[in-house]
């Protein structure tokens, strides 16, 4: 019969002790795998990743001066709202510019979506066309949230926060047309234009569709989105005034910005201040930067800071 030496006995006890401590301090991977995940009200998976955002602001006092500040945003705390990018528009020049913009917008939101940004499509007046889709169902099922201030049906120009707009968009050129700010030579109003969203802008994945301010607020609260990017048309009208637009988002305390290269104004160069359509749009963007919120470029939402999207080590 073999006897156990003191050296063998010490080695055995040391191995058992080390294994017990290691098992206590460092549970096996299977232990972690069996742990239940924490409950979350979010429908979109909150993933790591930070954007480096370049915020362009202007002073409110004239002459207004522009400055750019950098900020870091979590992609999982960011949402994009696409305002009124219809398949057609009563103003044909406006429809042509939407047609030009839509593919670029789709590229930006596609990359932003891949990084974990929430995408909200808001083709006002056309929501009923999507009623039987999962994108409407998803936002209608969002957990109700009480807004800190009333959500208005329309947020008009606020003289306590801003002067009159720098362009005149009040002129109607025909008694038969309700269009204002249209730069068509003859504004021929077509009531039944297609209010689907432009087909170049894809609706997919966890996207939602709504033009209802309360529905959209419910969704961004449920998904914990504090950074709100507004893109679409028209900068001087719906982008500012809708119940999900810039003014309302500011009243709700959201960190809202305008995507200045993915927007357009409804402005006619035949009206004050008699500048090109391009310059008129720029002047409205400058008004927003001075009195409401910064603006960014779409490219800021297409890539994250290298390494920021890695899992925590």
C-alpha atoms as a PDB file:
ATOM      1  CA  UNK A   1       0.000   0.000   0.000  1.00  0.00           C
ATOM      2  CA  UNK A   2       1.346   3.375  -1.063  1.00  0.00           C
ATOM      3  CA  UNK A   3       1.540   6.174   1.477  1.00  0.00           C
ATOM      4  CA  UNK A   4       0.906   9.843   0.645  1.00  0.00           C
ATOM      5  CA  UNK A   5       3.903  12.044   1.277  1.00  0.00           C
ATOM      6  CA  UNK A   6       3.668  15.425   3.015  1.00  0.00           C
ATOM      7  CA  UNK A   7       4.562  17.114  -0.290  1.00  0.00           C
ATOM      8  CA  UNK A   8       1.707  15.376  -2.156  1.00  0.00           C
ATOM      9  CA  UNK A   9      -0.726  16.204   0.658  1.00  0.00           C
ATOM     10  CA  UNK A  10       0.232  19.912   0.542  1.00  0.00           C
ATOM     11  CA  UNK A  11      -0.161  19.992  -3.260  1.00  0.00           C
ATOM     12  CA  UNK A  12      -3.643  18.415  -3.044  1.00  0.00           C
ATOM     13  CA  UNK A  13      -4.877  20.866  -0.390  1.00  0.00           C
ATOM     14  CA  UNK A  14      -3.432  23.831  -2.298  1.00  0.00           C
ATOM     15  CA  UNK A  15      -5.231  22.770  -5.489  1.00  0.00           C
ATOM     16  CA  UNK A  16      -8.576  22.361  -3.717  1.00  0.00           C
ATOM     17  CA  UNK A  17      -8.224  25.735  -1.966  1.00  0.00           C
ATOM     18  CA  UNK A  18      -7.286  27.623  -5.116  1.00  0.00           C
ATOM     19  CA  UNK A  19     -10.129  26.045  -7.063  1.00  0.00           C
ATOM     20  CA  UNK A  20     -12.648  26.976  -4.368  1.00  0.00           C
ATOM     21  CA  UNK A  21     -11.505  30.597  -4.256  1.00  0.00           C
ATOM     22  CA  UNK A  22     -11.414  30.869  -8.025  1.00  0.00           C
ATOM     23  CA  UNK A  23     -14.900  29.430  -8.254  1.00  0.00           C
ATOM     24  CA  UNK A  24     -16.107  31.946  -5.691  1.00  0.00           C
ATOM     25  CA  UNK A  25     -14.432  34.983  -7.227  1.00  0.00           C
ATOM     26  CA  UNK A  26     -14.762  34.024 -10.912  1.00  0.00           C
ATOM     27  CA  UNK A  27     -17.942  32.086 -11.639  1.00  0.00           C
ATOM     28  CA  UNK A  28     -17.938  30.086 -14.820  1.00  0.00           C
ATOM     29  CA  UNK A  29     -19.256  31.536 -18.062  1.00  0.00           C
ATOM     30  CA  UNK A  30     -22.188  29.175 -17.843  1.00  0.00           C
ATOM     31  CA  UNK A  31     -23.181  30.862 -14.574  1.00  0.00           C
ATOM     32  CA  UNK A  32     -23.400  34.255 -16.325  1.00  0.00           C
ATOM     33  CA  UNK A  33     -25.157  32.711 -19.313  1.00  0.00           C
ATOM     34  CA  UNK A  34     -27.886  31.379 -17.055  1.00  0.00           C
ATOM     35  CA  UNK A  35     -28.487  34.709 -15.333  1.00  0.00           C
ATOM     36  CA  UNK A  36     -31.787  36.299 -16.429  1.00  0.00           C
ATOM     37  CA  UNK A  37     -31.487  39.530 -18.423  1.00  0.00           C
ATOM     38  CA  UNK A  38     -32.750  42.696 -16.794  1.00  0.00           C
ATOM     39  CA  UNK A  39     -36.220  43.737 -17.892  1.00  0.00           C
ATOM     40  CA  UNK A  40     -36.381  46.754 -20.207  1.00  0.00           C
ATOM     41  CA  UNK A  41     -39.302  48.661 -21.669  1.00  0.00           C
ATOM     42  CA  UNK A  42     -37.289  49.353 -24.805  1.00  0.00           C
ATOM     43  CA  UNK A  43     -38.175  47.641 -28.051  1.00  0.00           C
ATOM     44  CA  UNK A  44     -34.910  48.646 -29.780  1.00  0.00           C
ATOM     45  CA  UNK A  45     -31.816  46.940 -28.306  1.00  0.00           C
ATOM     46  CA  UNK A  46     -29.688  49.593 -26.510  1.00  0.00           C
ATOM     47  CA  UNK A  47     -26.224  49.020 -27.949  1.00  0.00           C
ATOM     48  CA  UNK A  48     -22.924  50.804 -27.238  1.00  0.00           C
ATOM     49  CA  UNK A  49     -21.615  53.445 -29.612  1.00  0.00           C
ATOM     50  CA  UNK A  50     -21.056  57.212 -29.486  1.00  0.00           C
ATOM     51  CA  UNK A  51     -21.349  59.827 -32.216  1.00  0.00           C
ATOM     52  CA  UNK A  52     -19.081  62.864 -32.356  1.00  0.00           C
ATOM     53  CA  UNK A  53     -21.588  65.605 -33.156  1.00  0.00           C
ATOM     54  CA  UNK A  54     -20.602  69.015 -34.535  1.00  0.00           C
ATOM     55  CA  UNK A  55     -23.178  71.513 -33.289  1.00  0.00           C
ATOM     56  CA  UNK A  56     -23.397  74.803 -35.201  1.00  0.00           C
ATOM     57  CA  UNK A  57     -24.933  77.629 -33.173  1.00  0.00           C
ATOM     58  CA  UNK A  58     -25.447  81.356 -33.686  1.00  0.00           C
ATOM     59  CA  UNK A  59     -25.767  84.302 -31.367  1.00  0.00           C
ATOM     60  CA  UNK A  60     -29.239  85.822 -31.139  1.00  0.00           C
ATOM     61  CA  UNK A  61     -27.902  89.389 -31.247  1.00  0.00           C
ATOM     62  CA  UNK A  62     -27.044  90.902 -34.625  1.00  0.00           C
ATOM     63  CA  UNK A  63     -24.701  90.604 -36.312  1.00  0.00           C
ATOM     64  CA  UNK A  64     -25.148  86.911 -35.574  1.00  0.00           C
ATOM     65  CA  UNK A  65     -21.914  84.964 -35.416  1.00  0.00           C
ATOM     66  CA  UNK A  66     -21.662  81.209 -35.880  1.00  0.00           C
ATOM     67  CA  UNK A  67     -19.649  78.798 -33.785  1.00  0.00           C
ATOM     68  CA  UNK A  68     -19.217  75.031 -33.762  1.00  0.00           C
ATOM     69  CA  UNK A  69     -19.014  72.932 -30.609  1.00  0.00           C
ATOM     70  CA  UNK A  70     -18.406  69.209 -30.410  1.00  0.00           C
ATOM     71  CA  UNK A  71     -20.482  66.850 -28.311  1.00  0.00           C
ATOM     72  CA  UNK A  72     -20.639  63.100 -27.826  1.00  0.00           C
ATOM     73  CA  UNK A  73     -24.018  61.417 -28.112  1.00  0.00           C
ATOM     74  CA  UNK A  74     -24.909  57.835 -27.346  1.00  0.00           C
ATOM     75  CA  UNK A  75     -26.507  56.307 -30.429  1.00  0.00           C
ATOM     76  CA  UNK A  76     -28.932  54.441 -28.158  1.00  0.00           C
ATOM     77  CA  UNK A  77     -30.144  57.792 -26.766  1.00  0.00           C
ATOM     78  CA  UNK A  78     -30.746  59.334 -30.199  1.00  0.00           C
ATOM     79  CA  UNK A  79     -33.785  59.433 -32.485  1.00  0.00           C
ATOM     80  CA  UNK A  80     -34.347  60.847 -35.975  1.00  0.00           C
ATOM     81  CA  UNK A  81     -37.739  62.288 -36.933  1.00  0.00           C
ATOM     82  CA  UNK A  82     -38.381  62.552 -40.686  1.00  0.00           C
ATOM     83  CA  UNK A  83     -40.894  65.320 -41.317  1.00  0.00           C
ATOM     84  CA  UNK A  84     -43.300  65.314 -44.295  1.00  0.00           C
ATOM     85  CA  UNK A  85     -41.029  63.803 -46.948  1.00  0.00           C
ATOM     86  CA  UNK A  86     -44.001  63.024 -49.175  1.00  0.00           C
ATOM     87  CA  UNK A  87     -43.962  61.116 -52.441  1.00  0.00           C
ATOM     88  CA  UNK A  88     -45.526  64.198 -54.040  1.00  0.00           C
ATOM     89  CA  UNK A  89     -46.333  67.782 -53.106  1.00  0.00           C
ATOM     90  CA  UNK A  90     -48.751  70.407 -54.421  1.00  0.00           C
ATOM     91  CA  UNK A  91     -45.741  72.649 -55.124  1.00  0.00           C
ATOM     92  CA  UNK A  92     -43.857  70.920 -57.921  1.00  0.00           C
ATOM     93  CA  UNK A  93     -40.544  72.680 -57.270  1.00  0.00           C
ATOM     94  CA  UNK A  94     -40.774  71.543 -53.660  1.00  0.00           C
ATOM     95  CA  UNK A  95     -41.560  67.983 -54.781  1.00  0.00           C
ATOM     96  CA  UNK A  96     -38.513  68.032 -57.068  1.00  0.00           C
ATOM     97  CA  UNK A  97     -36.236  69.056 -54.200  1.00  0.00           C
ATOM     98  CA  UNK A  98     -37.652  66.301 -51.965  1.00  0.00           C
ATOM     99  CA  UNK A  99     -37.010  63.867 -54.801  1.00  0.00           C
ATOM    100  CA  UNK A 100     -33.392  65.009 -54.924  1.00  0.00           C
ATOM    101  CA  UNK A 101     -32.944  64.854 -51.156  1.00  0.00           C
ATOM    102  CA  UNK A 102     -34.644  61.537 -50.384  1.00  0.00           C
ATOM    103  CA  UNK A 103     -31.860  59.127 -51.502  1.00  0.00           C
ATOM    104  CA  UNK A 104     -29.285  61.072 -49.463  1.00  0.00           C
ATOM    105  CA  UNK A 105     -31.576  61.006 -46.449  1.00  0.00           C
ATOM    106  CA  UNK A 106     -32.051  57.266 -46.786  1.00  0.00           C
ATOM    107  CA  UNK A 107     -28.269  56.739 -46.769  1.00  0.00           C
ATOM    108  CA  UNK A 108     -27.933  58.699 -43.524  1.00  0.00           C
ATOM    109  CA  UNK A 109     -30.816  57.052 -41.672  1.00  0.00           C
ATOM    110  CA  UNK A 110     -29.743  53.599 -42.883  1.00  0.00           C
ATOM    111  CA  UNK A 111     -26.294  54.003 -41.332  1.00  0.00           C
ATOM    112  CA  UNK A 112     -27.669  55.683 -38.199  1.00  0.00           C
ATOM    113  CA  UNK A 113     -30.171  52.837 -37.764  1.00  0.00           C
ATOM    114  CA  UNK A 114     -27.331  50.293 -37.950  1.00  0.00           C
ATOM    115  CA  UNK A 115     -25.663  52.077 -35.020  1.00  0.00           C
ATOM    116  CA  UNK A 116     -28.824  51.844 -32.883  1.00  0.00           C
ATOM    117  CA  UNK A 117     -30.603  55.143 -33.614  1.00  0.00           C
ATOM    118  CA  UNK A 118     -34.430  55.108 -33.496  1.00  0.00           C
ATOM    119  CA  UNK A 119     -36.103  56.197 -36.754  1.00  0.00           C
ATOM    120  CA  UNK A 120     -39.524  57.889 -36.688  1.00  0.00           C
ATOM    121  CA  UNK A 121     -41.246  58.510 -40.026  1.00  0.00           C
ATOM    122  CA  UNK A 122     -43.798  61.342 -39.894  1.00  0.00           C
ATOM    123  CA  UNK A 123     -45.509  61.880 -43.281  1.00  0.00           C
ATOM    124  CA  UNK A 124     -48.318  64.075 -41.904  1.00  0.00           C
ATOM    125  CA  UNK A 125     -51.626  63.593 -43.652  1.00  0.00           C
ATOM    126  CA  UNK A 126     -50.591  60.151 -44.852  1.00  0.00           C
ATOM    127  CA  UNK A 127     -50.458  58.171 -41.617  1.00  0.00           C
ATOM    128  CA  UNK A 128     -53.730  56.389 -42.375  1.00  0.00           C
ATOM    129  CA  UNK A 129     -52.012  54.814 -45.394  1.00  0.00           C
ATOM    130  CA  UNK A 130     -49.825  52.811 -42.982  1.00  0.00           C
ATOM    131  CA  UNK A 131     -52.436  51.893 -40.385  1.00  0.00           C
ATOM    132  CA  UNK A 132     -52.196  48.124 -40.908  1.00  0.00           C
ATOM    133  CA  UNK A 133     -48.391  47.975 -40.678  1.00  0.00           C
ATOM    134  CA  UNK A 134     -46.184  46.851 -37.761  1.00  0.00           C
ATOM    135  CA  UNK A 135     -44.597  50.316 -37.781  1.00  0.00           C
ATOM    136  CA  UNK A 136     -47.883  51.905 -36.708  1.00  0.00           C
ATOM    137  CA  UNK A 137     -48.665  49.084 -34.314  1.00  0.00           C
ATOM    138  CA  UNK A 138     -45.299  49.428 -32.588  1.00  0.00           C
ATOM    139  CA  UNK A 139     -45.672  53.113 -31.772  1.00  0.00           C
ATOM    140  CA  UNK A 140     -49.314  52.770 -30.700  1.00  0.00           C
ATOM    141  CA  UNK A 141     -48.192  50.142 -28.171  1.00  0.00           C
ATOM    142  CA  UNK A 142     -45.494  52.367 -26.655  1.00  0.00           C
ATOM    143  CA  UNK A 143     -45.868  52.884 -22.924  1.00  0.00           C
ATOM    144  CA  UNK A 144     -47.903  56.061 -22.195  1.00  0.00           C
ATOM    145  CA  UNK A 145     -45.862  58.962 -20.829  1.00  0.00           C
ATOM    146  CA  UNK A 146     -46.995  62.269 -19.354  1.00  0.00           C
ATOM    147  CA  UNK A 147     -45.314  65.240 -21.057  1.00  0.00           C
ATOM    148  CA  UNK A 148     -43.941  68.036 -18.836  1.00  0.00           C
ATOM    149  CA  UNK A 149     -45.873  70.620 -20.895  1.00  0.00           C
ATOM    150  CA  UNK A 150     -48.920  70.320 -23.162  1.00  0.00           C
ATOM    151  CA  UNK A 151     -48.282  68.964 -26.645  1.00  0.00           C
ATOM    152  CA  UNK A 152     -49.791  71.487 -29.040  1.00  0.00           C
ATOM    153  CA  UNK A 153     -51.550  70.718 -32.285  1.00  0.00           C
ATOM    154  CA  UNK A 154     -49.349  73.356 -33.921  1.00  0.00           C
ATOM    155  CA  UNK A 155     -46.545  75.439 -32.424  1.00  0.00           C
ATOM    156  CA  UNK A 156     -46.812  78.915 -33.917  1.00  0.00           C
ATOM    157  CA  UNK A 157     -44.057  81.533 -34.021  1.00  0.00           C
ATOM    158  CA  UNK A 158     -43.241  82.451 -30.427  1.00  0.00           C
ATOM    159  CA  UNK A 159     -42.481  86.188 -30.097  1.00  0.00           C
ATOM    160  CA  UNK A 160     -41.049  85.601 -26.621  1.00  0.00           C
ATOM    161  CA  UNK A 161     -38.295  83.460 -28.137  1.00  0.00           C
ATOM    162  CA  UNK A 162     -37.869  84.601 -31.730  1.00  0.00           C
ATOM    163  CA  UNK A 163     -38.391  87.548 -34.088  1.00  0.00           C
ATOM    164  CA  UNK A 164     -40.403  87.161 -37.313  1.00  0.00           C
ATOM    165  CA  UNK A 165     -38.950  84.720 -39.824  1.00  0.00           C
ATOM    166  CA  UNK A 166     -36.388  86.273 -42.182  1.00  0.00           C
ATOM    167  CA  UNK A 167     -38.435  85.333 -45.279  1.00  0.00           C
ATOM    168  CA  UNK A 168     -42.016  86.117 -46.207  1.00  0.00           C
ATOM    169  CA  UNK A 169     -43.928  82.861 -46.694  1.00  0.00           C
ATOM    170  CA  UNK A 170     -47.414  84.364 -46.439  1.00  0.00           C
ATOM    171  CA  UNK A 171     -48.109  85.300 -50.078  1.00  0.00           C
ATOM    172  CA  UNK A 172     -50.725  83.410 -52.101  1.00  0.00           C
ATOM    173  CA  UNK A 173     -50.424  83.900 -55.834  1.00  0.00           C
ATOM    174  CA  UNK A 174     -53.843  82.591 -56.769  1.00  0.00           C
ATOM    175  CA  UNK A 175     -57.301  82.794 -55.265  1.00  0.00           C
ATOM    176  CA  UNK A 176     -57.742  79.147 -56.255  1.00  0.00           C
ATOM    177  CA  UNK A 177     -54.593  78.002 -54.462  1.00  0.00           C
ATOM    178  CA  UNK A 178     -53.898  77.760 -50.743  1.00  0.00           C
ATOM    179  CA  UNK A 179     -50.170  77.274 -51.292  1.00  0.00           C
ATOM    180  CA  UNK A 180     -47.878  79.840 -49.674  1.00  0.00           C
ATOM    181  CA  UNK A 181     -44.185  80.143 -50.395  1.00  0.00           C
ATOM    182  CA  UNK A 182     -44.310  77.981 -53.526  1.00  0.00           C
ATOM    183  CA  UNK A 183     -41.818  78.985 -56.221  1.00  0.00           C
ATOM    184  CA  UNK A 184     -43.703  77.355 -59.092  1.00  0.00           C
ATOM    185  CA  UNK A 185     -44.333  79.937 -61.854  1.00  0.00           C
ATOM    186  CA  UNK A 186     -48.030  79.034 -61.551  1.00  0.00           C
ATOM    187  CA  UNK A 187     -49.079  77.519 -58.217  1.00  0.00           C
ATOM    188  CA  UNK A 188     -51.595  74.892 -59.282  1.00  0.00           C
ATOM    189  CA  UNK A 189     -52.928  73.305 -56.113  1.00  0.00           C
ATOM    190  CA  UNK A 190     -53.649  69.577 -56.358  1.00  0.00           C
ATOM    191  CA  UNK A 191     -55.586  68.446 -53.294  1.00  0.00           C
ATOM    192  CA  UNK A 192     -55.057  64.703 -53.697  1.00  0.00           C
ATOM    193  CA  UNK A 193     -51.281  64.529 -53.973  1.00  0.00           C
ATOM    194  CA  UNK A 194     -49.664  61.332 -52.726  1.00  0.00           C
ATOM    195  CA  UNK A 195     -48.998  61.556 -48.978  1.00  0.00           C
ATOM    196  CA  UNK A 196     -47.063  58.320 -48.766  1.00  0.00           C
ATOM    197  CA  UNK A 197     -43.498  58.878 -47.660  1.00  0.00           C
ATOM    198  CA  UNK A 198     -41.092  59.172 -50.570  1.00  0.00           C
ATOM    199  CA  UNK A 199     -40.299  55.625 -51.766  1.00  0.00           C
ATOM    200  CA  UNK A 200     -36.536  56.248 -51.674  1.00  0.00           C
ATOM    201  CA  UNK A 201     -36.733  56.469 -47.867  1.00  0.00           C
ATOM    202  CA  UNK A 202     -37.069  52.919 -46.590  1.00  0.00           C
ATOM    203  CA  UNK A 203     -39.224  52.005 -43.596  1.00  0.00           C
ATOM    204  CA  UNK A 204     -37.859  48.846 -42.010  1.00  0.00           C
ATOM    205  CA  UNK A 205     -36.772  47.077 -38.825  1.00  0.00           C
ATOM    206  CA  UNK A 206     -37.708  48.791 -35.559  1.00  0.00           C
ATOM    207  CA  UNK A 207     -38.863  51.984 -37.347  1.00  0.00           C
ATOM    208  CA  UNK A 208     -42.187  53.578 -36.395  1.00  0.00           C
ATOM    209  CA  UNK A 209     -44.688  55.810 -38.208  1.00  0.00           C
ATOM    210  CA  UNK A 210     -46.667  58.624 -36.596  1.00  0.00           C
ATOM    211  CA  UNK A 211     -47.436  62.324 -36.857  1.00  0.00           C
ATOM    212  CA  UNK A 212     -49.152  62.398 -33.469  1.00  0.00           C
ATOM    213  CA  UNK A 213     -47.194  64.371 -30.886  1.00  0.00           C
ATOM    214  CA  UNK A 214     -48.294  62.251 -27.929  1.00  0.00           C
ATOM    215  CA  UNK A 215     -47.548  58.956 -29.711  1.00  0.00           C
ATOM    216  CA  UNK A 216     -44.089  60.172 -30.641  1.00  0.00           C
ATOM    217  CA  UNK A 217     -43.430  61.423 -27.103  1.00  0.00           C
ATOM    218  CA  UNK A 218     -44.517  58.064 -25.672  1.00  0.00           C
ATOM    219  CA  UNK A 219     -42.131  56.260 -27.987  1.00  0.00           C
ATOM    220  CA  UNK A 220     -39.055  58.413 -27.388  1.00  0.00           C
ATOM    221  CA  UNK A 221     -39.616  58.208 -23.635  1.00  0.00           C
ATOM    222  CA  UNK A 222     -40.001  54.420 -23.752  1.00  0.00           C
ATOM    223  CA  UNK A 223     -36.857  54.118 -25.870  1.00  0.00           C
ATOM    224  CA  UNK A 224     -34.992  56.614 -23.651  1.00  0.00           C
ATOM    225  CA  UNK A 225     -34.124  58.979 -26.507  1.00  0.00           C
ATOM    226  CA  UNK A 226     -33.091  62.443 -25.328  1.00  0.00           C
ATOM    227  CA  UNK A 227     -31.247  63.543 -28.502  1.00  0.00           C
ATOM    228  CA  UNK A 228     -33.741  64.339 -31.274  1.00  0.00           C
ATOM    229  CA  UNK A 229     -32.677  65.072 -34.852  1.00  0.00           C
ATOM    230  CA  UNK A 230     -35.296  66.684 -37.114  1.00  0.00           C
ATOM    231  CA  UNK A 231     -34.868  66.359 -40.881  1.00  0.00           C
ATOM    232  CA  UNK A 232     -37.267  66.863 -43.746  1.00  0.00           C
ATOM    233  CA  UNK A 233     -39.540  69.668 -44.936  1.00  0.00           C
ATOM    234  CA  UNK A 234     -40.359  72.440 -44.748  1.00  0.00           C
ATOM    235  CA  UNK A 235     -37.920  74.258 -42.486  1.00  0.00           C
ATOM    236  CA  UNK A 236     -39.987  77.418 -42.042  1.00  0.00           C
ATOM    237  CA  UNK A 237     -43.307  75.610 -41.577  1.00  0.00           C
ATOM    238  CA  UNK A 238     -43.715  71.971 -40.500  1.00  0.00           C
ATOM    239  CA  UNK A 239     -40.161  71.387 -39.236  1.00  0.00           C
ATOM    240  CA  UNK A 240     -40.693  74.195 -36.724  1.00  0.00           C
ATOM    241  CA  UNK A 241     -44.423  73.956 -36.088  1.00  0.00           C
ATOM    242  CA  UNK A 242     -45.574  70.323 -36.077  1.00  0.00           C
ATOM    243  CA  UNK A 243     -46.452  68.690 -32.723  1.00  0.00           C
ATOM    244  CA  UNK A 244     -43.199  66.738 -33.099  1.00  0.00           C
ATOM    245  CA  UNK A 245     -41.209  69.664 -34.541  1.00  0.00           C
ATOM    246  CA  UNK A 246     -38.387  71.789 -33.194  1.00  0.00           C
ATOM    247  CA  UNK A 247     -40.450  74.203 -31.105  1.00  0.00           C
ATOM    248  CA  UNK A 248     -42.426  71.415 -29.407  1.00  0.00           C
ATOM    249  CA  UNK A 249     -39.316  69.325 -28.729  1.00  0.00           C
ATOM    250  CA  UNK A 250     -37.677  72.337 -27.101  1.00  0.00           C
ATOM    251  CA  UNK A 251     -40.768  72.878 -24.927  1.00  0.00           C
ATOM    252  CA  UNK A 252     -40.546  69.201 -23.917  1.00  0.00           C
ATOM    253  CA  UNK A 253     -36.926  69.668 -22.813  1.00  0.00           C
ATOM    254  CA  UNK A 254     -35.381  67.466 -25.491  1.00  0.00           C
ATOM    255  CA  UNK A 255     -31.891  67.998 -26.884  1.00  0.00           C
ATOM    256  CA  UNK A 256     -33.185  68.749 -30.374  1.00  0.00           C
ATOM    257  CA  UNK A 257     -31.151  69.692 -33.451  1.00  0.00           C
ATOM    258  CA  UNK A 258     -31.907  70.424 -37.101  1.00  0.00           C
ATOM    259  CA  UNK A 259     -30.136  68.403 -39.801  1.00  0.00           C
ATOM    260  CA  UNK A 260     -29.352  71.349 -42.052  1.00  0.00           C
ATOM    261  CA  UNK A 261     -28.234  69.482 -45.171  1.00  0.00           C
ATOM    262  CA  UNK A 262     -31.375  67.339 -45.205  1.00  0.00           C
ATOM    263  CA  UNK A 263     -34.054  70.021 -45.140  1.00  0.00           C
ATOM    264  CA  UNK A 264     -35.686  72.540 -47.467  1.00  0.00           C
ATOM    265  CA  UNK A 265     -37.833  75.649 -47.104  1.00  0.00           C
ATOM    266  CA  UNK A 266     -41.062  76.630 -48.801  1.00  0.00           C
ATOM    267  CA  UNK A 267     -39.920  80.038 -50.049  1.00  0.00           C
ATOM    268  CA  UNK A 268     -40.556  81.950 -53.280  1.00  0.00           C
ATOM    269  CA  UNK A 269     -37.818  84.367 -54.478  1.00  0.00           C
ATOM    270  CA  UNK A 270     -40.563  86.702 -55.708  1.00  0.00           C
ATOM    271  CA  UNK A 271     -41.177  87.542 -52.041  1.00  0.00           C
ATOM    272  CA  UNK A 272     -39.166  89.311 -49.361  1.00  0.00           C
ATOM    273  CA  UNK A 273     -36.166  89.338 -49.011  1.00  0.00           C
ATOM    274  CA  UNK A 274     -35.912  88.609 -52.771  1.00  0.00           C
ATOM    275  CA  UNK A 275     -33.028  86.142 -52.580  1.00  0.00           C
ATOM    276  CA  UNK A 276     -32.540  82.758 -54.226  1.00  0.00           C
ATOM    277  CA  UNK A 277     -34.444  79.782 -52.893  1.00  0.00           C
ATOM    278  CA  UNK A 278     -31.168  78.311 -51.611  1.00  0.00           C
ATOM    279  CA  UNK A 279     -30.297  81.486 -49.732  1.00  0.00           C
ATOM    280  CA  UNK A 280     -33.831  81.719 -48.332  1.00  0.00           C
ATOM    281  CA  UNK A 281     -33.489  78.214 -46.876  1.00  0.00           C
ATOM    282  CA  UNK A 282     -30.104  79.124 -45.396  1.00  0.00           C
ATOM    283  CA  UNK A 283     -31.603  82.204 -43.732  1.00  0.00           C
ATOM    284  CA  UNK A 284     -34.278  80.114 -42.029  1.00  0.00           C
ATOM    285  CA  UNK A 285     -31.637  77.645 -40.836  1.00  0.00           C
ATOM    286  CA  UNK A 286     -29.686  80.589 -39.411  1.00  0.00           C
ATOM    287  CA  UNK A 287     -32.859  81.799 -37.657  1.00  0.00           C
ATOM    288  CA  UNK A 288     -33.270  78.385 -36.033  1.00  0.00           C
ATOM    289  CA  UNK A 289     -29.595  78.269 -35.001  1.00  0.00           C
ATOM    290  CA  UNK A 290     -29.951  81.712 -33.393  1.00  0.00           C
ATOM    291  CA  UNK A 291     -33.239  81.256 -31.549  1.00  0.00           C
ATOM    292  CA  UNK A 292     -34.121  77.571 -31.177  1.00  0.00           C
ATOM    293  CA  UNK A 293     -31.393  74.948 -31.482  1.00  0.00           C
ATOM    294  CA  UNK A 294     -28.094  74.039 -33.147  1.00  0.00           C
ATOM    295  CA  UNK A 295     -27.843  72.346 -36.511  1.00  0.00           C
ATOM    296  CA  UNK A 296     -25.737  69.389 -37.611  1.00  0.00           C
ATOM    297  CA  UNK A 297     -24.818  67.616 -40.836  1.00  0.00           C
ATOM    298  CA  UNK A 298     -26.188  64.191 -41.656  1.00  0.00           C
ATOM    299  CA  UNK A 299     -22.701  62.687 -41.854  1.00  0.00           C
ATOM    300  CA  UNK A 300     -22.354  63.114 -38.068  1.00  0.00           C
ATOM    301  CA  UNK A 301     -24.880  60.271 -37.685  1.00  0.00           C
ATOM    302  CA  UNK A 302     -23.189  57.784 -40.018  1.00  0.00           C
ATOM    303  CA  UNK A 303     -20.195  56.635 -37.965  1.00  0.00           C
ATOM    304  CA  UNK A 304     -19.341  56.266 -34.312  1.00  0.00           C
ATOM    305  CA  UNK A 305     -16.157  57.103 -32.463  1.00  0.00           C
ATOM    306  CA  UNK A 306     -13.743  54.185 -33.062  1.00  0.00           C
ATOM    307  CA  UNK A 307     -13.931  51.680 -30.219  1.00  0.00           C
ATOM    308  CA  UNK A 308     -17.003  53.253 -28.597  1.00  0.00           C
ATOM    309  CA  UNK A 309     -19.203  50.459 -29.900  1.00  0.00           C
ATOM    310  CA  UNK A 310     -17.209  47.662 -28.271  1.00  0.00           C
ATOM    311  CA  UNK A 311     -18.741  45.731 -25.352  1.00  0.00           C
ATOM    312  CA  UNK A 312     -17.607  46.774 -21.869  1.00  0.00           C
ATOM    313  CA  UNK A 313     -14.510  44.834 -20.866  1.00  0.00           C
END
